[in-house]
């Protein structure tokens, strides 16, 4: 998976949606689309984000696209060493601003709440569903993925 937004074939958001529609989970889609801008390869991004999908391993907690957005912001802003208090505060402020933007747009960043809005409920023992046209048609996830891929790369270093 490459981030086609970097080479003139669309935006990062569009690349993320294409990744999702090709079978990537929500978190993988966002991180893979942002990968070149973060110095990651597509396979690295897919492996790093694999367990974050469907609200962390299918638990439907924080949306996987939001988690990947936070990871991408951290990758862009964090210094790659233990951070001082000021650096942490700046990073957390950037992540919180991005999540607040997501919440303002979609009402929440909790996966189960986002999906409940369209009638999809989490049940104990749920397993990933086959990726069919019906699967994609009933989920609003493409909008979340597009937003997070675009917003992650707008975060500015302090």
C-alpha atoms as a PDB file:
ATOM      1  CA  UNK A   1       0.000   0.000   0.000  1.00  0.00           C
ATOM      2  CA  UNK A   2       1.455   3.322  -0.955  1.00  0.00           C
ATOM      3  CA  UNK A   3       0.292   6.793  -0.130  1.00  0.00           C
ATOM      4  CA  UNK A   4      -0.783   8.017  -3.493  1.00  0.00           C
ATOM      5  CA  UNK A   5      -1.445  11.445  -2.056  1.00  0.00           C
ATOM      6  CA  UNK A   6       2.280  12.067  -2.219  1.00  0.00           C
ATOM      7  CA  UNK A   7       2.697  11.475  -5.938  1.00  0.00           C
ATOM      8  CA  UNK A   8      -0.093  13.392  -7.572  1.00  0.00           C
ATOM      9  CA  UNK A   9      -2.733  10.652  -7.714  1.00  0.00           C
ATOM     10  CA  UNK A  10      -5.068  12.223  -5.172  1.00  0.00           C
ATOM     11  CA  UNK A  11      -5.054  13.359  -1.588  1.00  0.00           C
ATOM     12  CA  UNK A  12      -3.910  11.410   1.438  1.00  0.00           C
ATOM     13  CA  UNK A  13      -7.567  11.078   2.375  1.00  0.00           C
ATOM     14  CA  UNK A  14      -8.399   9.554  -0.987  1.00  0.00           C
ATOM     15  CA  UNK A  15      -5.447   7.158  -0.694  1.00  0.00           C
ATOM     16  CA  UNK A  16      -6.667   6.154   2.778  1.00  0.00           C
ATOM     17  CA  UNK A  17     -10.169   5.409   1.495  1.00  0.00           C
ATOM     18  CA  UNK A  18      -8.723   3.336  -1.357  1.00  0.00           C
ATOM     19  CA  UNK A  19      -6.702   1.361   1.199  1.00  0.00           C
ATOM     20  CA  UNK A  20      -9.824   0.760   3.275  1.00  0.00           C
ATOM     21  CA  UNK A  21     -11.779  -0.371   0.247  1.00  0.00           C
ATOM     22  CA  UNK A  22      -8.979  -2.786  -0.644  1.00  0.00           C
ATOM     23  CA  UNK A  23      -9.251  -4.572   2.714  1.00  0.00           C
ATOM     24  CA  UNK A  24      -7.141  -2.560   5.168  1.00  0.00           C
ATOM     25  CA  UNK A  25      -8.673  -1.789   8.519  1.00  0.00           C
ATOM     26  CA  UNK A  26      -9.413   1.828   9.432  1.00  0.00           C
ATOM     27  CA  UNK A  27      -6.155   2.444  11.302  1.00  0.00           C
ATOM     28  CA  UNK A  28      -4.030   0.766   8.632  1.00  0.00           C
ATOM     29  CA  UNK A  29      -5.707   2.869   5.963  1.00  0.00           C
ATOM     30  CA  UNK A  30      -4.837   6.149   7.674  1.00  0.00           C
ATOM     31  CA  UNK A  31      -1.271   5.261   8.617  1.00  0.00           C
ATOM     32  CA  UNK A  32      -0.467   3.719   5.229  1.00  0.00           C
ATOM     33  CA  UNK A  33      -1.726   6.814   3.410  1.00  0.00           C
ATOM     34  CA  UNK A  34       0.484   8.993   5.619  1.00  0.00           C
ATOM     35  CA  UNK A  35       3.472   6.603   5.584  1.00  0.00           C
ATOM     36  CA  UNK A  36       5.786   8.388   3.108  1.00  0.00           C
ATOM     37  CA  UNK A  37       5.298  11.716   4.886  1.00  0.00           C
ATOM     38  CA  UNK A  38       6.251   9.964   8.125  1.00  0.00           C
ATOM     39  CA  UNK A  39       9.306   8.150   6.752  1.00  0.00           C
ATOM     40  CA  UNK A  40       7.593   4.770   6.919  1.00  0.00           C
ATOM     41  CA  UNK A  41       7.163   2.156   4.242  1.00  0.00           C
ATOM     42  CA  UNK A  42       3.673   0.951   3.431  1.00  0.00           C
ATOM     43  CA  UNK A  43       4.295  -2.490   4.973  1.00  0.00           C
ATOM     44  CA  UNK A  44       5.689  -0.898   8.152  1.00  0.00           C
ATOM     45  CA  UNK A  45       2.600   1.276   8.472  1.00  0.00           C
ATOM     46  CA  UNK A  46       0.292  -1.680   7.883  1.00  0.00           C
ATOM     47  CA  UNK A  47       2.014  -3.744  10.572  1.00  0.00           C
ATOM     48  CA  UNK A  48       2.147  -0.887  13.100  1.00  0.00           C
ATOM     49  CA  UNK A  49      -1.550  -0.078  12.754  1.00  0.00           C
ATOM     50  CA  UNK A  50      -2.914  -3.612  12.353  1.00  0.00           C
ATOM     51  CA  UNK A  51      -4.027  -4.033  15.977  1.00  0.00           C
ATOM     52  CA  UNK A  52      -5.652  -0.607  16.206  1.00  0.00           C
ATOM     53  CA  UNK A  53      -8.517  -1.307  13.799  1.00  0.00           C
ATOM     54  CA  UNK A  54     -12.170  -1.353  14.833  1.00  0.00           C
ATOM     55  CA  UNK A  55     -11.467   0.645  17.961  1.00  0.00           C
ATOM     56  CA  UNK A  56      -8.398  -1.339  19.140  1.00  0.00           C
ATOM     57  CA  UNK A  57      -8.576  -4.951  18.075  1.00  0.00           C
ATOM     58  CA  UNK A  58     -12.304  -4.912  17.451  1.00  0.00           C
ATOM     59  CA  UNK A  59     -13.217  -3.619  20.927  1.00  0.00           C
ATOM     60  CA  UNK A  60     -14.926  -0.591  19.377  1.00  0.00           C
ATOM     61  CA  UNK A  61     -13.377   1.898  21.774  1.00  0.00           C
ATOM     62  CA  UNK A  62     -11.522   4.915  20.272  1.00  0.00           C
ATOM     63  CA  UNK A  63     -11.960   4.819  16.483  1.00  0.00           C
ATOM     64  CA  UNK A  64      -8.968   3.160  14.803  1.00  0.00           C
ATOM     65  CA  UNK A  65      -8.707   5.996  12.284  1.00  0.00           C
ATOM     66  CA  UNK A  66      -8.407   8.455  15.190  1.00  0.00           C
ATOM     67  CA  UNK A  67      -5.755   6.283  16.842  1.00  0.00           C
ATOM     68  CA  UNK A  68      -3.747   6.204  13.615  1.00  0.00           C
ATOM     69  CA  UNK A  69      -4.160   9.966  13.265  1.00  0.00           C
ATOM     70  CA  UNK A  70      -2.707  10.389  16.767  1.00  0.00           C
ATOM     71  CA  UNK A  71       0.160   8.046  15.892  1.00  0.00           C
ATOM     72  CA  UNK A  72       0.879  10.001  12.712  1.00  0.00           C
ATOM     73  CA  UNK A  73       0.846  13.301  14.600  1.00  0.00           C
ATOM     74  CA  UNK A  74       3.212  11.828  17.167  1.00  0.00           C
ATOM     75  CA  UNK A  75       5.492  10.608  14.413  1.00  0.00           C
ATOM     76  CA  UNK A  76       5.588  14.093  12.911  1.00  0.00           C
ATOM     77  CA  UNK A  77       5.967  16.062  16.140  1.00  0.00           C
ATOM     78  CA  UNK A  78       7.707  13.863  18.721  1.00  0.00           C
ATOM     79  CA  UNK A  79      11.502  14.124  18.788  1.00  0.00           C
ATOM     80  CA  UNK A  80      12.263  10.395  18.802  1.00  0.00           C
ATOM     81  CA  UNK A  81      13.636  10.408  22.332  1.00  0.00           C
ATOM     82  CA  UNK A  82      12.058  10.734  25.770  1.00  0.00           C
ATOM     83  CA  UNK A  83      10.213  14.038  25.801  1.00  0.00           C
ATOM     84  CA  UNK A  84      10.351  16.823  28.327  1.00  0.00           C
ATOM     85  CA  UNK A  85       7.186  18.162  29.864  1.00  0.00           C
ATOM     86  CA  UNK A  86       6.925  21.038  27.367  1.00  0.00           C
ATOM     87  CA  UNK A  87       7.350  18.704  24.400  1.00  0.00           C
ATOM     88  CA  UNK A  88       4.713  16.325  25.756  1.00  0.00           C
ATOM     89  CA  UNK A  89       2.348  19.222  26.353  1.00  0.00           C
ATOM     90  CA  UNK A  90       2.812  20.443  22.771  1.00  0.00           C
ATOM     91  CA  UNK A  91       2.266  16.971  21.345  1.00  0.00           C
ATOM     92  CA  UNK A  92      -0.800  16.341  23.484  1.00  0.00           C
ATOM     93  CA  UNK A  93      -2.196  19.723  22.509  1.00  0.00           C
ATOM     94  CA  UNK A  94      -1.785  18.868  18.811  1.00  0.00           C
ATOM     95  CA  UNK A  95      -3.438  15.456  19.244  1.00  0.00           C
ATOM     96  CA  UNK A  96      -6.259  16.880  21.365  1.00  0.00           C
ATOM     97  CA  UNK A  97      -6.923  19.583  18.771  1.00  0.00           C
ATOM     98  CA  UNK A  98      -7.141  16.969  16.015  1.00  0.00           C
ATOM     99  CA  UNK A  99      -9.493  14.781  18.078  1.00  0.00           C
ATOM    100  CA  UNK A 100     -11.617  17.836  18.924  1.00  0.00           C
ATOM    101  CA  UNK A 101     -11.872  18.578  15.191  1.00  0.00           C
ATOM    102  CA  UNK A 102     -12.971  14.974  14.594  1.00  0.00           C
ATOM    103  CA  UNK A 103     -15.553  15.202  17.388  1.00  0.00           C
ATOM    104  CA  UNK A 104     -16.858  18.504  16.040  1.00  0.00           C
ATOM    105  CA  UNK A 105     -17.338  16.911  12.640  1.00  0.00           C
ATOM    106  CA  UNK A 106     -18.682  13.481  13.659  1.00  0.00           C
ATOM    107  CA  UNK A 107     -20.012  13.916  17.202  1.00  0.00           C
ATOM    108  CA  UNK A 108     -17.723  11.429  18.957  1.00  0.00           C
ATOM    109  CA  UNK A 109     -14.488   9.491  18.466  1.00  0.00           C
ATOM    110  CA  UNK A 110     -15.800   6.288  20.055  1.00  0.00           C
ATOM    111  CA  UNK A 111     -16.115   3.571  17.424  1.00  0.00           C
ATOM    112  CA  UNK A 112     -19.167   1.829  18.893  1.00  0.00           C
ATOM    113  CA  UNK A 113     -21.012   5.163  19.092  1.00  0.00           C
ATOM    114  CA  UNK A 114     -20.051   6.125  15.541  1.00  0.00           C
ATOM    115  CA  UNK A 115     -21.343   2.787  14.260  1.00  0.00           C
ATOM    116  CA  UNK A 116     -24.421   2.727  16.512  1.00  0.00           C
ATOM    117  CA  UNK A 117     -25.500   5.917  14.755  1.00  0.00           C
ATOM    118  CA  UNK A 118     -26.031   3.778  11.623  1.00  0.00           C
ATOM    119  CA  UNK A 119     -27.480   0.772  13.449  1.00  0.00           C
ATOM    120  CA  UNK A 120     -24.347  -1.365  13.817  1.00  0.00           C
ATOM    121  CA  UNK A 121     -24.085  -2.779  17.336  1.00  0.00           C
ATOM    122  CA  UNK A 122     -21.134  -4.578  18.916  1.00  0.00           C
ATOM    123  CA  UNK A 123     -21.983  -7.989  20.282  1.00  0.00           C
ATOM    124  CA  UNK A 124     -19.746 -10.240  22.408  1.00  0.00           C
ATOM    125  CA  UNK A 125     -17.716 -12.526  20.202  1.00  0.00           C
ATOM    126  CA  UNK A 126     -18.152 -10.423  17.067  1.00  0.00           C
ATOM    127  CA  UNK A 127     -15.593 -11.264  14.426  1.00  0.00           C
ATOM    128  CA  UNK A 128     -14.507  -9.168  11.457  1.00  0.00           C
ATOM    129  CA  UNK A 129     -17.082  -9.247   8.692  1.00  0.00           C
ATOM    130  CA  UNK A 130     -16.288 -10.201   5.108  1.00  0.00           C
ATOM    131  CA  UNK A 131     -15.508  -7.140   3.017  1.00  0.00           C
ATOM    132  CA  UNK A 132     -18.383  -6.993   0.575  1.00  0.00           C
ATOM    133  CA  UNK A 133     -20.103  -4.093  -1.176  1.00  0.00           C
ATOM    134  CA  UNK A 134     -22.804  -4.309   1.514  1.00  0.00           C
ATOM    135  CA  UNK A 135     -20.172  -4.030   4.267  1.00  0.00           C
ATOM    136  CA  UNK A 136     -18.839  -0.786   2.800  1.00  0.00           C
ATOM    137  CA  UNK A 137     -22.293   0.586   2.009  1.00  0.00           C
ATOM    138  CA  UNK A 138     -23.541   0.345   5.594  1.00  0.00           C
ATOM    139  CA  UNK A 139     -20.447   1.841   7.272  1.00  0.00           C
ATOM    140  CA  UNK A 140     -19.609   5.546   7.540  1.00  0.00           C
ATOM    141  CA  UNK A 141     -15.931   4.670   8.123  1.00  0.00           C
ATOM    142  CA  UNK A 142     -14.642   6.044   4.805  1.00  0.00           C
ATOM    143  CA  UNK A 143     -15.525   9.579   5.944  1.00  0.00           C
ATOM    144  CA  UNK A 144     -13.663   9.063   9.230  1.00  0.00           C
ATOM    145  CA  UNK A 145     -10.630   7.619   7.459  1.00  0.00           C
ATOM    146  CA  UNK A 146     -10.494  10.424   4.898  1.00  0.00           C
ATOM    147  CA  UNK A 147     -10.737  13.074   7.616  1.00  0.00           C
ATOM    148  CA  UNK A 148      -8.046  11.498   9.816  1.00  0.00           C
ATOM    149  CA  UNK A 149      -5.526  11.006   6.995  1.00  0.00           C
ATOM    150  CA  UNK A 150      -5.896  14.624   5.927  1.00  0.00           C
ATOM    151  CA  UNK A 151      -5.944  16.064   9.464  1.00  0.00           C
ATOM    152  CA  UNK A 152      -2.909  14.073  10.642  1.00  0.00           C
ATOM    153  CA  UNK A 153      -0.652  15.758   8.115  1.00  0.00           C
ATOM    154  CA  UNK A 154      -1.910  19.261   8.963  1.00  0.00           C
ATOM    155  CA  UNK A 155      -0.632  19.070  12.544  1.00  0.00           C
ATOM    156  CA  UNK A 156       2.227  21.509  12.960  1.00  0.00           C
ATOM    157  CA  UNK A 157       5.420  21.070  14.907  1.00  0.00           C
ATOM    158  CA  UNK A 158       5.573  23.518  17.815  1.00  0.00           C
END
